[in-house]
């Protein structure tokens, strides 16, 4: 039987983990905009591309 460490080292697990982190960051965008941060500030703080932040902002307002 595979141990938990062995599963955590798989590519599938790592990709899913990273995707979850990205989704969490993108979900934070609308709240940060409400606080008055600019798209550029959010992108820098979350270490995201500006276009990704803009898309997340547009998605939440539509």
N, C-alpha and C. Protein backbone atom coordinates (compact mmCIF):
# COMPACT_ATOMS: atom_id res chain seq x y z
N UNK A 1 0.84 -1.17 0.00
CA UNK A 1 0.00 0.00 0.00
C UNK A 1 0.89 1.24 0.00
N UNK A 2 0.51 2.22 -0.80
CA UNK A 2 1.28 3.46 -0.86
C UNK A 2 1.08 4.28 0.40
N UNK A 3 2.15 4.85 0.88
CA UNK A 3 2.06 5.73 2.04
C UNK A 3 1.65 7.12 1.61
N UNK A 4 1.25 7.93 2.55
CA UNK A 4 0.82 9.29 2.26
C UNK A 4 1.93 10.11 1.62
N UNK A 5 3.16 9.93 2.08
CA UNK A 5 4.29 10.66 1.49
C UNK A 5 4.48 10.31 0.03
N UNK A 6 4.28 9.06 -0.31
CA UNK A 6 4.44 8.63 -1.70
C UNK A 6 3.38 9.29 -2.58
N UNK A 7 2.17 9.41 -2.06
CA UNK A 7 1.09 10.05 -2.83
C UNK A 7 1.38 11.53 -3.00
N UNK A 8 1.85 12.17 -1.95
CA UNK A 8 2.13 13.60 -2.01
C UNK A 8 3.24 13.93 -3.00
N UNK A 9 4.06 12.98 -3.31
CA UNK A 9 5.17 13.20 -4.24
C UNK A 9 4.78 12.96 -5.70
N UNK A 10 3.54 12.57 -5.96
CA UNK A 10 3.13 12.32 -7.33
C UNK A 10 2.86 13.63 -8.05
N UNK A 11 3.03 13.60 -9.35
CA UNK A 11 2.80 14.79 -10.18
C UNK A 11 1.34 15.22 -10.09
N UNK A 12 0.42 14.28 -10.11
CA UNK A 12 -1.01 14.59 -10.06
C UNK A 12 -1.34 15.33 -8.77
N UNK A 13 -0.83 14.86 -7.66
CA UNK A 13 -1.09 15.50 -6.37
C UNK A 13 -0.52 16.91 -6.37
N UNK A 14 0.70 17.07 -6.85
CA UNK A 14 1.35 18.38 -6.87
C UNK A 14 0.58 19.37 -7.75
N UNK A 15 0.13 18.91 -8.91
CA UNK A 15 -0.62 19.78 -9.82
C UNK A 15 -1.95 20.18 -9.20
N UNK A 16 -2.63 19.25 -8.55
CA UNK A 16 -3.90 19.56 -7.91
C UNK A 16 -3.71 20.56 -6.78
N UNK A 17 -2.64 20.40 -6.05
CA UNK A 17 -2.33 21.31 -4.95
C UNK A 17 -2.07 22.72 -5.47
N UNK A 18 -1.30 22.83 -6.54
CA UNK A 18 -1.01 24.14 -7.12
C UNK A 18 -2.27 24.78 -7.70
N UNK A 19 -3.12 23.96 -8.31
CA UNK A 19 -4.36 24.48 -8.88
C UNK A 19 -5.25 25.03 -7.77
N UNK A 20 -5.28 24.35 -6.65
CA UNK A 20 -6.07 24.82 -5.52
C UNK A 20 -5.55 26.14 -4.98
N UNK A 21 -4.24 26.31 -4.95
CA UNK A 21 -3.65 27.57 -4.51
C UNK A 21 -4.04 28.70 -5.46
N UNK A 22 -3.98 28.41 -6.74
CA UNK A 22 -4.33 29.42 -7.74
C UNK A 22 -5.79 29.83 -7.59
N UNK A 23 -6.67 28.86 -7.44
CA UNK A 23 -8.09 29.16 -7.28
C UNK A 23 -8.33 30.03 -6.05
N UNK A 24 -7.64 29.72 -4.97
CA UNK A 24 -7.78 30.51 -3.75
C UNK A 24 -7.34 31.95 -3.96
N UNK A 25 -6.25 32.14 -4.67
CA UNK A 25 -5.77 33.49 -4.95
C UNK A 25 -6.78 34.25 -5.81
N UNK A 26 -7.30 33.59 -6.82
CA UNK A 26 -8.25 34.25 -7.72
C UNK A 26 -9.55 34.59 -7.00
N UNK A 27 -9.96 33.78 -6.05
CA UNK A 27 -11.17 34.05 -5.29
C UNK A 27 -10.99 35.27 -4.37
N UNK A 28 -9.76 35.59 -4.03
CA UNK A 28 -9.48 36.73 -3.16
C UNK A 28 -9.54 38.06 -3.90
N UNK A 29 -9.47 38.03 -5.22
CA UNK A 29 -9.38 39.26 -6.02
C UNK A 29 -10.54 40.22 -5.76
N UNK A 30 -11.79 39.81 -5.83
CA UNK A 30 -12.88 40.78 -5.63
C UNK A 30 -12.82 41.49 -4.27
N UNK A 31 -12.50 40.78 -3.23
CA UNK A 31 -12.39 41.39 -1.91
C UNK A 31 -11.28 42.41 -1.84
N UNK A 32 -10.17 42.09 -2.47
CA UNK A 32 -9.04 43.02 -2.48
C UNK A 32 -9.36 44.28 -3.30
N UNK A 33 -10.13 44.10 -4.37
CA UNK A 33 -10.56 45.27 -5.15
C UNK A 33 -11.48 46.15 -4.32
N UNK A 34 -12.38 45.53 -3.54
CA UNK A 34 -13.29 46.29 -2.67
C UNK A 34 -12.52 47.09 -1.62
N UNK A 35 -11.38 46.59 -1.21
CA UNK A 35 -10.55 47.29 -0.24
C UNK A 35 -9.81 48.48 -0.86
N UNK A 36 -9.89 48.57 -2.19
CA UNK A 36 -9.28 49.70 -2.86
C UNK A 36 -7.94 49.43 -3.50
N UNK A 37 -7.50 48.19 -3.49
CA UNK A 37 -6.23 47.88 -4.15
C UNK A 37 -6.42 47.88 -5.65
N UNK A 38 -5.38 48.27 -6.36
CA UNK A 38 -5.43 48.26 -7.82
C UNK A 38 -5.14 46.85 -8.32
N UNK A 39 -5.47 46.63 -9.58
CA UNK A 39 -5.20 45.33 -10.21
C UNK A 39 -3.71 45.03 -10.15
N UNK A 40 -2.91 46.04 -10.37
CA UNK A 40 -1.46 45.86 -10.35
C UNK A 40 -0.96 45.49 -8.96
N UNK A 41 -1.51 46.14 -7.93
CA UNK A 41 -1.11 45.82 -6.55
C UNK A 41 -1.50 44.39 -6.18
N UNK A 42 -2.68 43.99 -6.60
CA UNK A 42 -3.15 42.64 -6.30
C UNK A 42 -2.27 41.61 -7.01
N UNK A 43 -1.97 41.87 -8.26
CA UNK A 43 -1.12 40.95 -9.02
C UNK A 43 0.24 40.79 -8.35
N UNK A 44 0.80 41.90 -7.90
CA UNK A 44 2.10 41.84 -7.25
C UNK A 44 2.01 41.09 -5.91
N UNK A 45 1.00 41.40 -5.13
CA UNK A 45 0.87 40.79 -3.81
C UNK A 45 0.62 39.29 -3.90
N UNK A 46 -0.18 38.87 -4.87
CA UNK A 46 -0.53 37.46 -5.00
C UNK A 46 0.40 36.70 -5.94
N UNK A 47 1.36 37.42 -6.51
CA UNK A 47 2.30 36.82 -7.46
C UNK A 47 1.58 36.17 -8.64
N UNK A 48 0.69 36.99 -9.25
CA UNK A 48 -0.08 36.56 -10.40
C UNK A 48 0.17 37.52 -11.56
N UNK A 49 -0.14 37.06 -12.76
CA UNK A 49 -0.08 37.92 -13.92
C UNK A 49 -1.24 38.92 -13.85
N UNK A 50 -1.00 40.13 -14.32
CA UNK A 50 -2.03 41.16 -14.29
C UNK A 50 -3.27 40.71 -15.06
N UNK A 51 -3.09 40.06 -16.19
CA UNK A 51 -4.22 39.59 -16.98
C UNK A 51 -5.08 38.60 -16.20
N UNK A 52 -4.46 37.75 -15.41
CA UNK A 52 -5.23 36.79 -14.61
C UNK A 52 -6.09 37.51 -13.57
N UNK A 53 -5.53 38.55 -12.97
CA UNK A 53 -6.27 39.33 -11.98
C UNK A 53 -7.44 40.04 -12.66
N UNK A 54 -7.19 40.62 -13.82
CA UNK A 54 -8.27 41.30 -14.55
C UNK A 54 -9.38 40.33 -14.92
N UNK A 55 -9.03 39.15 -15.38
CA UNK A 55 -10.04 38.16 -15.74
C UNK A 55 -10.86 37.74 -14.53
N UNK A 56 -10.20 37.57 -13.39
CA UNK A 56 -10.91 37.19 -12.16
C UNK A 56 -11.84 38.31 -11.74
N UNK A 57 -11.41 39.56 -11.89
CA UNK A 57 -12.25 40.70 -11.52
C UNK A 57 -13.47 40.78 -12.43
N UNK A 58 -13.27 40.56 -13.72
CA UNK A 58 -14.38 40.62 -14.68
C UNK A 58 -15.36 39.48 -14.45
N UNK A 59 -14.85 38.32 -14.14
CA UNK A 59 -15.68 37.14 -13.92
C UNK A 59 -16.62 37.33 -12.73
N UNK A 60 -16.14 37.98 -11.68
CA UNK A 60 -16.93 38.18 -10.47
C UNK A 60 -17.95 39.30 -10.62
N UNK A 61 -17.74 40.23 -11.56
CA UNK A 61 -18.67 41.33 -11.73
C UNK A 61 -19.72 41.03 -12.77
N UNK A 62 -19.53 39.99 -13.54
CA UNK A 62 -20.52 39.68 -14.59
C UNK A 62 -21.50 38.64 -14.14
